[in-house]
Amino acid sequence: IPPIFASSLLLLPLTISQFAGNSVDADSGF
């Protein structure tokens, strides 16, 4: 359970940022 929970919590922001990065201007602050 600990590795599954730890990896899920760490990879969740990365996945969201990858999906959001396709619609966000790279030159902006965000």
PDB file of all heavy atoms in Angstrom:
ATOM      1  N   ILE A   1       0.815  -1.218   0.000  1.00  0.00           N
ATOM      2  CA  ILE A   1       0.000   0.000   0.000  1.00  0.00           C
ATOM      3  C   ILE A   1       0.850   1.270   0.000  1.00  0.00           C
ATOM      4  O   ILE A   1       0.570   2.204  -0.765  1.00  0.00           O
ATOM      5  CB  ILE A   1      -0.968  -0.015   1.201  1.00  0.00           C
ATOM      6  CG1 ILE A   1      -1.863  -1.264   1.150  1.00  0.00           C
ATOM      7  CG2 ILE A   1      -1.808   1.239   1.226  1.00  0.00           C
ATOM      8  CD1 ILE A   1      -2.675  -1.381  -0.111  1.00  0.00           C
ATOM      9  N   PRO A   2       1.902   1.400   0.831  1.00  0.00           N
ATOM     10  CA  PRO A   2       2.677   2.658   0.840  1.00  0.00           C
ATOM     11  C   PRO A   2       3.266   3.051  -0.507  1.00  0.00           C
ATOM     12  O   PRO A   2       3.116   4.223  -0.912  1.00  0.00           O
ATOM     13  CB  PRO A   2       3.774   2.374   1.885  1.00  0.00           C
ATOM     14  CG  PRO A   2       3.177   1.366   2.790  1.00  0.00           C
ATOM     15  CD  PRO A   2       2.337   0.498   1.915  1.00  0.00           C
ATOM     16  N   PRO A   3       3.911   2.140  -1.281  1.00  0.00           N
ATOM     17  CA  PRO A   3       4.418   2.570  -2.589  1.00  0.00           C
ATOM     18  C   PRO A   3       3.318   3.009  -3.556  1.00  0.00           C
ATOM     19  O   PRO A   3       3.509   3.967  -4.317  1.00  0.00           O
ATOM     20  CB  PRO A   3       5.161   1.326  -3.114  1.00  0.00           C
ATOM     21  CG  PRO A   3       5.454   0.508  -1.924  1.00  0.00           C
ATOM     22  CD  PRO A   3       4.342   0.766  -0.974  1.00  0.00           C
ATOM     23  N   ILE A   4       2.178   2.303  -3.527  1.00  0.00           N
ATOM     24  CA  ILE A   4       1.079   2.659  -4.429  1.00  0.00           C
ATOM     25  C   ILE A   4       0.554   4.055  -4.099  1.00  0.00           C
ATOM     26  O   ILE A   4       0.363   4.905  -4.982  1.00  0.00           O
ATOM     27  CB  ILE A   4      -0.046   1.614  -4.354  1.00  0.00           C
ATOM     28  CG1 ILE A   4       0.425   0.275  -4.931  1.00  0.00           C
ATOM     29  CG2 ILE A   4      -1.285   2.088  -5.100  1.00  0.00           C
ATOM     30  CD1 ILE A   4      -0.594  -0.831  -4.821  1.00  0.00           C
ATOM     31  N   PHE A   5       0.320   4.332  -2.814  1.00  0.00           N
ATOM     32  CA  PHE A   5      -0.190   5.635  -2.419  1.00  0.00           C
ATOM     33  C   PHE A   5       0.825   6.737  -2.714  1.00  0.00           C
ATOM     34  O   PHE A   5       0.476   7.799  -3.238  1.00  0.00           O
ATOM     35  CB  PHE A   5      -0.546   5.628  -0.922  1.00  0.00           C
ATOM     36  CG  PHE A   5      -1.937   5.184  -0.633  1.00  0.00           C
ATOM     37  CD1 PHE A   5      -2.585   4.321  -1.490  1.00  0.00           C
ATOM     38  CD2 PHE A   5      -2.605   5.619   0.493  1.00  0.00           C
ATOM     39  CE1 PHE A   5      -3.866   3.890  -1.234  1.00  0.00           C
ATOM     40  CE2 PHE A   5      -3.898   5.202   0.763  1.00  0.00           C
ATOM     41  CZ  PHE A   5      -4.529   4.343  -0.103  1.00  0.00           C
ATOM     42  N   ALA A   6       2.096   6.494  -2.380  1.00  0.00           N
ATOM     43  CA  ALA A   6       3.118   7.524  -2.571  1.00  0.00           C
ATOM     44  C   ALA A   6       3.309   7.848  -4.047  1.00  0.00           C
ATOM     45  O   ALA A   6       3.373   9.026  -4.436  1.00  0.00           O
ATOM     46  CB  ALA A   6       4.437   7.065  -1.950  1.00  0.00           C
ATOM     47  N   SER A   7       3.389   6.827  -4.891  1.00  0.00           N
ATOM     48  CA  SER A   7       3.577   7.068  -6.325  1.00  0.00           C
ATOM     49  C   SER A   7       2.356   7.720  -6.943  1.00  0.00           C
ATOM     50  O   SER A   7       2.482   8.587  -7.825  1.00  0.00           O
ATOM     51  CB  SER A   7       3.898   5.748  -7.038  1.00  0.00           C
ATOM     52  OG  SER A   7       2.859   4.806  -6.840  1.00  0.00           O
ATOM     53  N   SER A   8       1.154   7.345  -6.491  1.00  0.00           N
ATOM     54  CA  SER A   8      -0.065   7.953  -7.032  1.00  0.00           C
ATOM     55  C   SER A   8      -0.124   9.443  -6.702  1.00  0.00           C
ATOM     56  O   SER A   8      -0.467  10.269  -7.557  1.00  0.00           O
ATOM     57  CB  SER A   8      -1.300   7.239  -6.482  1.00  0.00           C
ATOM     58  OG  SER A   8      -1.317   5.878  -6.862  1.00  0.00           O
ATOM     59  N   LEU A   9       0.198   9.796  -5.460  1.00  0.00           N
ATOM     60  CA  LEU A   9       0.153  11.200  -5.067  1.00  0.00           C
ATOM     61  C   LEU A   9       1.200  12.022  -5.810  1.00  0.00           C
ATOM     62  O   LEU A   9       0.966  13.181  -6.151  1.00  0.00           O
ATOM     63  CB  LEU A   9       0.371  11.330  -3.552  1.00  0.00           C
ATOM     64  CG  LEU A   9      -0.777  10.855  -2.666  1.00  0.00           C
ATOM     65  CD1 LEU A   9      -0.410  11.008  -1.197  1.00  0.00           C
ATOM     66  CD2 LEU A   9      -2.056  11.626  -2.968  1.00  0.00           C
ATOM     67  N   LEU A  10       2.358  11.433  -6.066  1.00  0.00           N
ATOM     68  CA  LEU A  10       3.412  12.167  -6.765  1.00  0.00           C
ATOM     69  C   LEU A  10       3.127  12.310  -8.260  1.00  0.00           C
ATOM     70  O   LEU A  10       3.425  13.348  -8.861  1.00  0.00           O
ATOM     71  CB  LEU A  10       4.760  11.464  -6.572  1.00  0.00           C
ATOM     72  CG  LEU A  10       5.526  11.802  -5.298  1.00  0.00           C
ATOM     73  CD1 LEU A  10       6.810  10.988  -5.229  1.00  0.00           C
ATOM     74  CD2 LEU A  10       5.853  13.279  -5.231  1.00  0.00           C
ATOM     75  N   LEU A  11       2.568  11.263  -8.859  1.00  0.00           N
ATOM     76  CA  LEU A  11       2.337  11.291 -10.300  1.00  0.00           C
ATOM     77  C   LEU A  11       1.060  12.026 -10.679  1.00  0.00           C
ATOM     78  O   LEU A  11       0.899  12.410 -11.838  1.00  0.00           O
ATOM     79  CB  LEU A  11       2.282   9.861 -10.839  1.00  0.00           C
ATOM     80  CG  LEU A  11       3.596   9.088 -10.778  1.00  0.00           C
ATOM     81  CD1 LEU A  11       3.388   7.653 -11.229  1.00  0.00           C
ATOM     82  CD2 LEU A  11       4.662   9.752 -11.623  1.00  0.00           C
ATOM     83  N   LEU A  12       0.152  12.225  -9.721  1.00  0.00           N
ATOM     84  CA  LEU A  12      -1.095  12.920 -10.033  1.00  0.00           C
ATOM     85  C   LEU A  12      -0.854  14.363 -10.476  1.00  0.00           C
ATOM     86  O   LEU A  12      -1.390  14.789 -11.512  1.00  0.00           O
ATOM     87  CB  LEU A  12      -2.030  12.868  -8.828  1.00  0.00           C
ATOM     88  CG  LEU A  12      -3.437  13.428  -9.039  1.00  0.00           C
ATOM     89  CD1 LEU A  12      -4.146  12.677 -10.162  1.00  0.00           C
ATOM     90  CD2 LEU A  12      -4.235  13.350  -7.751  1.00  0.00           C
ATOM     91  N   PRO A  13      -0.056  15.180  -9.758  1.00  0.00           N
ATOM     92  CA  PRO A  13       0.209  16.543 -10.273  1.00  0.00           C
ATOM     93  C   PRO A  13       0.910  16.538 -11.625  1.00  0.00           C
ATOM     94  O   PRO A  13       0.635  17.404 -12.461  1.00  0.00           O
ATOM     95  CB  PRO A  13       1.113  17.155  -9.190  1.00  0.00           C
ATOM     96  CG  PRO A  13       0.879  16.338  -7.974  1.00  0.00           C
ATOM     97  CD  PRO A  13       0.580  14.955  -8.453  1.00  0.00           C
ATOM     98  N   LEU A  14       1.803  15.568 -11.829  1.00  0.00           N
ATOM     99  CA  LEU A  14       2.511  15.499 -13.107  1.00  0.00           C
ATOM    100  C   LEU A  14       1.547  15.210 -14.252  1.00  0.00           C
ATOM    101  O   LEU A  14       1.640  15.815 -15.327  1.00  0.00           O
ATOM    102  CB  LEU A  14       3.593  14.423 -13.038  1.00  0.00           C
ATOM    103  CG  LEU A  14       4.449  14.216 -14.292  1.00  0.00           C
ATOM    104  CD1 LEU A  14       5.178  15.489 -14.641  1.00  0.00           C
ATOM    105  CD2 LEU A  14       5.422  13.072 -14.088  1.00  0.00           C
ATOM    106  N   THR A  15       0.606  14.307 -14.030  1.00  0.00           N
ATOM    107  CA  THR A  15      -0.365  13.977 -15.075  1.00  0.00           C
ATOM    108  C   THR A  15      -1.274  15.169 -15.380  1.00  0.00           C
ATOM    109  O   THR A  15      -1.559  15.481 -16.536  1.00  0.00           O
ATOM    110  CB  THR A  15      -1.209  12.769 -14.640  1.00  0.00           C
ATOM    111  OG1 THR A  15      -0.346  11.668 -14.373  1.00  0.00           O
ATOM    112  CG2 THR A  15      -2.186  12.372 -15.733  1.00  0.00           C
ATOM    113  N   ILE A  16      -1.739  15.849 -14.310  1.00  0.00           N
ATOM    114  CA  ILE A  16      -2.601  17.017 -14.512  1.00  0.00           C
ATOM    115  C   ILE A  16      -1.853  18.114 -15.267  1.00  0.00           C
ATOM    116  O   ILE A  16      -2.397  18.751 -16.183  1.00  0.00           O
ATOM    117  CB  ILE A  16      -3.098  17.537 -13.153  1.00  0.00           C
ATOM    118  CG1 ILE A  16      -4.015  16.497 -12.502  1.00  0.00           C
ATOM    119  CG2 ILE A  16      -3.840  18.859 -13.320  1.00  0.00           C
ATOM    120  CD1 ILE A  16      -4.463  16.880 -11.109  1.00  0.00           C
ATOM    121  N   SER A  17      -0.589  18.322 -14.907  1.00  0.00           N
ATOM    122  CA  SER A  17       0.193  19.358 -15.587  1.00  0.00           C
ATOM    123  C   SER A  17       0.442  18.999 -17.041  1.00  0.00           C
ATOM    124  O   SER A  17       0.486  19.883 -17.909  1.00  0.00           O
ATOM    125  CB  SER A  17       1.523  19.568 -14.858  1.00  0.00           C
ATOM    126  OG  SER A  17       2.331  18.402 -14.943  1.00  0.00           O
ATOM    127  N   GLN A  18       0.599  17.700 -17.335  1.00  0.00           N
ATOM    128  CA  GLN A  18       0.810  17.291 -18.723  1.00  0.00           C
ATOM    129  C   GLN A  18      -0.434  17.556 -19.564  1.00  0.00           C
ATOM    130  O   GLN A  18      -0.350  18.036 -20.692  1.00  0.00           O
ATOM    131  CB  GLN A  18       1.186  15.810 -18.782  1.00  0.00           C
ATOM    132  CG  GLN A  18       2.611  15.527 -18.347  1.00  0.00           C
ATOM    133  CD  GLN A  18       2.919  14.049 -18.347  1.00  0.00           C
ATOM    134  OE1 GLN A  18       2.016  13.218 -18.361  1.00  0.00           O
ATOM    135  NE2 GLN A  18       4.188  13.716 -18.318  1.00  0.00           N
ATOM    136  N   PHE A  19      -1.618  17.231 -19.011  1.00  0.00           N
ATOM    137  CA  PHE A  19      -2.849  17.483 -19.756  1.00  0.00           C
ATOM    138  C   PHE A  19      -3.102  18.988 -19.883  1.00  0.00           C
ATOM    139  O   PHE A  19      -3.534  19.473 -20.930  1.00  0.00           O
ATOM    140  CB  PHE A  19      -4.033  16.810 -19.063  1.00  0.00           C
ATOM    141  CG  PHE A  19      -4.180  15.363 -19.411  1.00  0.00           C
ATOM    142  CD1 PHE A  19      -3.707  14.378 -18.560  1.00  0.00           C
ATOM    143  CD2 PHE A  19      -4.778  14.968 -20.591  1.00  0.00           C
ATOM    144  CE1 PHE A  19      -3.826  13.033 -18.871  1.00  0.00           C
ATOM    145  CE2 PHE A  19      -4.909  13.637 -20.922  1.00  0.00           C
ATOM    146  CZ  PHE A  19      -4.430  12.664 -20.058  1.00  0.00           C
ATOM    147  N   ALA A  20      -2.815  19.722 -18.788  1.00  0.00           N
ATOM    148  CA  ALA A  20      -3.062  21.172 -18.828  1.00  0.00           C
ATOM    149  C   ALA A  20      -2.055  21.887 -19.702  1.00  0.00           C
ATOM    150  O   ALA A  20      -2.356  22.935 -20.284  1.00  0.00           O
ATOM    151  CB  ALA A  20      -3.013  21.746 -17.416  1.00  0.00           C
ATOM    152  N   GLY A  21      -0.861  21.314 -19.818  1.00  0.00           N
ATOM    153  CA  GLY A  21       0.183  21.966 -20.596  1.00  0.00           C
ATOM    154  C   GLY A  21      -0.135  22.082 -22.066  1.00  0.00           C
ATOM    155  O   GLY A  21       0.434  22.915 -22.768  1.00  0.00           O
ATOM    156  N   ASN A  22      -1.045  21.272 -22.576  1.00  0.00           N
ATOM    157  CA  ASN A  22      -1.381  21.329 -23.993  1.00  0.00           C
ATOM    158  C   ASN A  22      -2.230  22.544 -24.341  1.00  0.00           C
ATOM    159  O   ASN A  22      -2.298  22.951 -25.490  1.00  0.00           O
ATOM    160  CB  ASN A  22      -2.130  20.046 -24.398  1.00  0.00           C
ATOM    161  CG  ASN A  22      -1.247  18.821 -24.318  1.00  0.00           C
ATOM    162  OD1 ASN A  22      -0.299  18.676 -25.068  1.00  0.00           O
ATOM    163  ND2 ASN A  22      -1.547  17.927 -23.396  1.00  0.00           N
ATOM    164  N   SER A  23      -2.895  23.118 -23.330  1.00  0.00           N
ATOM    165  CA  SER A  23      -3.767  24.263 -23.585  1.00  0.00           C
ATOM    166  C   SER A  23      -3.265  25.538 -22.930  1.00  0.00           C
ATOM    167  O   SER A  23      -3.984  26.528 -22.886  1.00  0.00           O
ATOM    168  CB  SER A  23      -5.187  23.956 -23.074  1.00  0.00           C
ATOM    169  OG  SER A  23      -5.153  23.637 -21.697  1.00  0.00           O
ATOM    170  N   VAL A  24      -2.037  25.507 -22.387  1.00  0.00           N
ATOM    171  CA  VAL A  24      -1.492  26.668 -21.682  1.00  0.00           C
ATOM    172  C   VAL A  24      -0.323  27.219 -22.482  1.00  0.00           C
ATOM    173  O   VAL A  24       0.506  26.460 -23.004  1.00  0.00           O
ATOM    174  CB  VAL A  24      -1.046  26.282 -20.252  1.00  0.00           C
ATOM    175  CG1 VAL A  24      -0.356  27.463 -19.576  1.00  0.00           C
ATOM    176  CG2 VAL A  24      -2.243  25.836 -19.434  1.00  0.00           C
ATOM    177  N   ASP A  25      -0.233  28.535 -22.568  1.00  0.00           N
ATOM    178  CA  ASP A  25       0.870  29.187 -23.258  1.00  0.00           C
ATOM    179  C   ASP A  25       2.149  29.013 -22.452  1.00  0.00           C
ATOM    180  O   ASP A  25       2.210  29.366 -21.263  1.00  0.00           O
ATOM    181  CB  ASP A  25       0.553  30.670 -23.443  1.00  0.00           C
ATOM    182  CG  ASP A  25       1.627  31.371 -24.279  1.00  0.00           C
ATOM    183  OD1 ASP A  25       2.480  30.666 -24.861  1.00  0.00           O
ATOM    184  OD2 ASP A  25       1.582  32.611 -24.348  1.00  0.00           O
ATOM    185  N   ALA A  26       3.189  28.464 -23.076  1.00  0.00           N
ATOM    186  CA  ALA A  26       4.438  28.198 -22.368  1.00  0.00           C
ATOM    187  C   ALA A  26       5.148  29.473 -21.954  1.00  0.00           C
ATOM    188  O   ALA A  26       5.982  29.447 -21.028  1.00  0.00           O
ATOM    189  CB  ALA A  26       5.364  27.342 -23.239  1.00  0.00           C
ATOM    190  N   ASP A  27       4.856  30.613 -22.601  1.00  0.00           N
ATOM    191  CA  ASP A  27       5.526  31.860 -22.263  1.00  0.00           C
ATOM    192  C   ASP A  27       4.891  32.574 -21.076  1.00  0.00           C
ATOM    193  O   ASP A  27       5.480  33.518 -20.531  1.00  0.00           O
ATOM    194  CB  ASP A  27       5.517  32.799 -23.472  1.00  0.00           C
ATOM    195  CG  ASP A  27       6.328  32.216 -24.634  1.00  0.00           C
ATOM    196  OD1 ASP A  27       7.283  31.460 -24.353  1.00  0.00           O
ATOM    197  OD2 ASP A  27       5.987  32.500 -25.803  1.00  0.00           O
ATOM    198  N   SER A  28       3.712  32.156 -20.679  1.00  0.00           N
ATOM    199  CA  SER A  28       3.037  32.788 -19.553  1.00  0.00           C
ATOM    200  C   SER A  28       3.632  32.301 -18.229  1.00  0.00           C
ATOM    201  O   SER A  28       4.411  31.344 -18.180  1.00  0.00           O
ATOM    202  CB  SER A  28       1.534  32.493 -19.599  1.00  0.00           C
ATOM    203  OG  SER A  28       1.306  31.103 -19.468  1.00  0.00           O
ATOM    204  N   GLY A  29       3.247  32.984 -17.146  1.00  0.00           N
ATOM    205  CA  GLY A  29       3.756  32.594 -15.833  1.00  0.00           C
ATOM    206  C   GLY A  29       3.288  31.213 -15.423  1.00  0.00           C
ATOM    207  O   GLY A  29       4.056  30.408 -14.893  1.00  0.00           O
ATOM    208  N   PHE A  30       2.012  30.928 -15.687  1.00  0.00           N
ATOM    209  CA  PHE A  30       1.490  29.608 -15.341  1.00  0.00           C
ATOM    210  C   PHE A  30       2.132  28.528 -16.197  1.00  0.00           C
ATOM    211  O   PHE A  30       2.405  27.420 -15.728  1.00  0.00           O
ATOM    212  CB  PHE A  30      -0.028  29.595 -15.515  1.00  0.00           C
ATOM    213  CG  PHE A  30      -0.670  28.289 -15.115  1.00  0.00           C
ATOM    214  CD1 PHE A  30      -0.737  27.902 -13.794  1.00  0.00           C
ATOM    215  CD2 PHE A  30      -1.206  27.447 -16.086  1.00  0.00           C
ATOM    216  CE1 PHE A  30      -1.327  26.703 -13.430  1.00  0.00           C
ATOM    217  CE2 PHE A  30      -1.786  26.248 -15.734  1.00  0.00           C
ATOM    218  CZ  PHE A  30      -1.860  25.879 -14.399  1.00  0.00           C
TER     219      PHE A  30
END
